């Protein structure tokens, strides 16, 4: 199973927590975050992240562009997909917007890949 949560949420149960942000989230220490794996290279490029700026009006374009970027990061996508076969996985993000963030876009991308 694959879910997403803000990195600031308390760990719930025995799930593997993967931070998918390029930058470490503000105001949380690494020991407090309970992150099992930080895959910063699967996050959107700096250019795409800065262009998007968490603007909901750019969400559809951001998703399309972000979907293209992970295709170049096949090993990291496979790493997440393989882990979901072993244990429940949580993709963690730091953004305040729960509906428009890179973890949501990545989750959609991974679920689309799994259906193929």
C-alpha atoms as a PDB file:
ATOM      1  CA  UNK A   1       0.000   0.000   0.000  1.00  0.00           C
ATOM      2  CA  UNK A   2       1.215   3.499  -0.843  1.00  0.00           C
ATOM      3  CA  UNK A   3       0.069   6.627   1.004  1.00  0.00           C
ATOM      4  CA  UNK A   4       1.298  10.174   1.504  1.00  0.00           C
ATOM      5  CA  UNK A   5       1.641  12.311   4.623  1.00  0.00           C
ATOM      6  CA  UNK A   6       3.326  15.485   5.746  1.00  0.00           C
ATOM      7  CA  UNK A   7       6.694  14.760   7.277  1.00  0.00           C
ATOM      8  CA  UNK A   8       5.516  16.566  10.414  1.00  0.00           C
ATOM      9  CA  UNK A   9       2.890  13.901  11.130  1.00  0.00           C
ATOM     10  CA  UNK A  10       3.603  11.303  13.782  1.00  0.00           C
ATOM     11  CA  UNK A  11       4.554   7.871  12.489  1.00  0.00           C
ATOM     12  CA  UNK A  12       1.538   5.603  12.552  1.00  0.00           C
ATOM     13  CA  UNK A  13       2.152   1.893  12.748  1.00  0.00           C
ATOM     14  CA  UNK A  14       4.809  -0.113  10.996  1.00  0.00           C
ATOM     15  CA  UNK A  15       5.180   1.650   7.704  1.00  0.00           C
ATOM     16  CA  UNK A  16       8.276   2.536   5.725  1.00  0.00           C
ATOM     17  CA  UNK A  17       8.593   6.335   5.558  1.00  0.00           C
ATOM     18  CA  UNK A  18      10.288   7.853   2.493  1.00  0.00           C
ATOM     19  CA  UNK A  19      10.924  11.591   2.296  1.00  0.00           C
ATOM     20  CA  UNK A  20      10.570  12.658  -1.340  1.00  0.00           C
ATOM     21  CA  UNK A  21      11.501  16.342  -1.011  1.00  0.00           C
ATOM     22  CA  UNK A  22      14.748  17.724  -2.420  1.00  0.00           C
ATOM     23  CA  UNK A  23      15.256  19.958   0.626  1.00  0.00           C
ATOM     24  CA  UNK A  24      15.053  18.888   4.251  1.00  0.00           C
ATOM     25  CA  UNK A  25      11.805  20.276   5.762  1.00  0.00           C
ATOM     26  CA  UNK A  26      12.100  23.301   7.996  1.00  0.00           C
ATOM     27  CA  UNK A  27      11.871  23.153  11.765  1.00  0.00           C
ATOM     28  CA  UNK A  28      12.134  19.371  12.130  1.00  0.00           C
ATOM     29  CA  UNK A  29      15.226  17.521  13.208  1.00  0.00           C
ATOM     30  CA  UNK A  30      16.183  14.342  11.401  1.00  0.00           C
ATOM     31  CA  UNK A  31      15.774  12.258  14.544  1.00  0.00           C
ATOM     32  CA  UNK A  32      12.247  13.654  15.068  1.00  0.00           C
ATOM     33  CA  UNK A  33      11.094  12.979  11.509  1.00  0.00           C
ATOM     34  CA  UNK A  34      11.422   9.206  11.748  1.00  0.00           C
ATOM     35  CA  UNK A  35      12.373   8.989   8.065  1.00  0.00           C
ATOM     36  CA  UNK A  36      13.537   5.554   6.937  1.00  0.00           C
ATOM     37  CA  UNK A  37      14.848   6.782   3.592  1.00  0.00           C
ATOM     38  CA  UNK A  38      15.403  10.194   2.015  1.00  0.00           C
ATOM     39  CA  UNK A  39      15.140  10.035  -1.782  1.00  0.00           C
ATOM     40  CA  UNK A  40      15.889  13.657  -2.570  1.00  0.00           C
ATOM     41  CA  UNK A  41      16.864  12.814  -6.152  1.00  0.00           C
ATOM     42  CA  UNK A  42      13.309  11.673  -6.960  1.00  0.00           C
ATOM     43  CA  UNK A  43      11.970  15.129  -6.068  1.00  0.00           C
ATOM     44  CA  UNK A  44      11.257  17.647  -8.817  1.00  0.00           C
ATOM     45  CA  UNK A  45      14.271  19.439 -10.202  1.00  0.00           C
ATOM     46  CA  UNK A  46      15.051  22.832  -8.690  1.00  0.00           C
ATOM     47  CA  UNK A  47      13.841  24.498 -11.888  1.00  0.00           C
ATOM     48  CA  UNK A  48      10.501  22.694 -11.866  1.00  0.00           C
ATOM     49  CA  UNK A  49      10.048  23.167  -8.113  1.00  0.00           C
ATOM     50  CA  UNK A  50      10.733  26.903  -8.355  1.00  0.00           C
ATOM     51  CA  UNK A  51       8.482  27.290 -11.407  1.00  0.00           C
ATOM     52  CA  UNK A  52       5.581  25.532  -9.661  1.00  0.00           C
ATOM     53  CA  UNK A  53       5.914  27.437  -6.392  1.00  0.00           C
ATOM     54  CA  UNK A  54       2.904  25.501  -4.997  1.00  0.00           C
ATOM     55  CA  UNK A  55       0.575  27.473  -7.271  1.00  0.00           C
ATOM     56  CA  UNK A  56      -2.641  25.418  -7.635  1.00  0.00           C
ATOM     57  CA  UNK A  57      -3.235  27.014 -11.054  1.00  0.00           C
ATOM     58  CA  UNK A  58      -0.042  25.308 -12.295  1.00  0.00           C
ATOM     59  CA  UNK A  59      -0.915  21.918 -10.762  1.00  0.00           C
ATOM     60  CA  UNK A  60      -1.918  20.079 -13.950  1.00  0.00           C
ATOM     61  CA  UNK A  61       1.186  21.254 -15.825  1.00  0.00           C
ATOM     62  CA  UNK A  62       3.385  20.489 -12.808  1.00  0.00           C
ATOM     63  CA  UNK A  63       2.065  16.916 -12.611  1.00  0.00           C
ATOM     64  CA  UNK A  64       2.721  16.309 -16.293  1.00  0.00           C
ATOM     65  CA  UNK A  65       6.253  17.683 -16.050  1.00  0.00           C
ATOM     66  CA  UNK A  66       6.950  15.865 -12.805  1.00  0.00           C
ATOM     67  CA  UNK A  67       5.681  12.607 -14.307  1.00  0.00           C
ATOM     68  CA  UNK A  68       8.284  12.990 -17.052  1.00  0.00           C
ATOM     69  CA  UNK A  69      11.143  13.581 -14.612  1.00  0.00           C
ATOM     70  CA  UNK A  70      10.813  10.297 -12.663  1.00  0.00           C
ATOM     71  CA  UNK A  71      11.006   8.394 -15.939  1.00  0.00           C
ATOM     72  CA  UNK A  72      14.643   9.461 -16.013  1.00  0.00           C
ATOM     73  CA  UNK A  73      14.980   8.163 -12.445  1.00  0.00           C
ATOM     74  CA  UNK A  74      13.846   4.612 -13.079  1.00  0.00           C
ATOM     75  CA  UNK A  75      16.036   3.093 -10.362  1.00  0.00           C
ATOM     76  CA  UNK A  76      14.477   5.303  -7.680  1.00  0.00           C
ATOM     77  CA  UNK A  77      10.949   4.640  -8.915  1.00  0.00           C
ATOM     78  CA  UNK A  78      11.720   0.911  -8.907  1.00  0.00           C
ATOM     79  CA  UNK A  79      13.114   1.192  -5.383  1.00  0.00           C
ATOM     80  CA  UNK A  80       9.819   2.599  -4.117  1.00  0.00           C
ATOM     81  CA  UNK A  81       7.738   0.132  -6.122  1.00  0.00           C
ATOM     82  CA  UNK A  82       9.772  -2.818  -4.833  1.00  0.00           C
ATOM     83  CA  UNK A  83       9.437  -1.589  -1.246  1.00  0.00           C
ATOM     84  CA  UNK A  84       5.622  -1.431  -1.575  1.00  0.00           C
ATOM     85  CA  UNK A  85       5.683  -5.166  -2.299  1.00  0.00           C
ATOM     86  CA  UNK A  86       7.292  -5.790   1.101  1.00  0.00           C
ATOM     87  CA  UNK A  87       5.635  -3.269   3.419  1.00  0.00           C
ATOM     88  CA  UNK A  88       3.238  -0.313   3.483  1.00  0.00           C
ATOM     89  CA  UNK A  89       5.070   2.792   2.255  1.00  0.00           C
ATOM     90  CA  UNK A  90       4.409   6.438   3.127  1.00  0.00           C
ATOM     91  CA  UNK A  91       5.713   9.165   0.834  1.00  0.00           C
ATOM     92  CA  UNK A  92       6.552  12.152   3.022  1.00  0.00           C
ATOM     93  CA  UNK A  93       6.554  15.801   1.984  1.00  0.00           C
ATOM     94  CA  UNK A  94       6.968  19.107   3.767  1.00  0.00           C
ATOM     95  CA  UNK A  95       4.608  21.400   1.838  1.00  0.00           C
ATOM     96  CA  UNK A  96       1.603  22.918   3.589  1.00  0.00           C
ATOM     97  CA  UNK A  97      -0.699  22.236   0.638  1.00  0.00           C
ATOM     98  CA  UNK A  98      -1.932  18.673   1.064  1.00  0.00           C
ATOM     99  CA  UNK A  99      -3.517  18.478  -2.390  1.00  0.00           C
ATOM    100  CA  UNK A 100      -0.840  20.086  -4.561  1.00  0.00           C
ATOM    101  CA  UNK A 101       2.614  18.748  -3.722  1.00  0.00           C
ATOM    102  CA  UNK A 102       5.303  16.613  -5.279  1.00  0.00           C
ATOM    103  CA  UNK A 103       4.467  13.552  -3.138  1.00  0.00           C
ATOM    104  CA  UNK A 104       0.901  13.578  -4.464  1.00  0.00           C
ATOM    105  CA  UNK A 105       2.168  13.846  -8.043  1.00  0.00           C
ATOM    106  CA  UNK A 106       4.701  11.064  -7.463  1.00  0.00           C
ATOM    107  CA  UNK A 107       2.064   8.808  -5.889  1.00  0.00           C
ATOM    108  CA  UNK A 108      -0.194   9.273  -8.916  1.00  0.00           C
ATOM    109  CA  UNK A 109       2.742   8.488 -11.196  1.00  0.00           C
ATOM    110  CA  UNK A 110       3.641   5.312  -9.276  1.00  0.00           C
ATOM    111  CA  UNK A 111       0.035   4.098  -9.227  1.00  0.00           C
ATOM    112  CA  UNK A 112      -0.249   4.677 -12.980  1.00  0.00           C
ATOM    113  CA  UNK A 113       2.959   2.687 -13.551  1.00  0.00           C
ATOM    114  CA  UNK A 114       1.687  -0.189 -11.387  1.00  0.00           C
ATOM    115  CA  UNK A 115      -1.518  -0.463 -13.444  1.00  0.00           C
ATOM    116  CA  UNK A 116       0.443  -0.872 -16.653  1.00  0.00           C
END
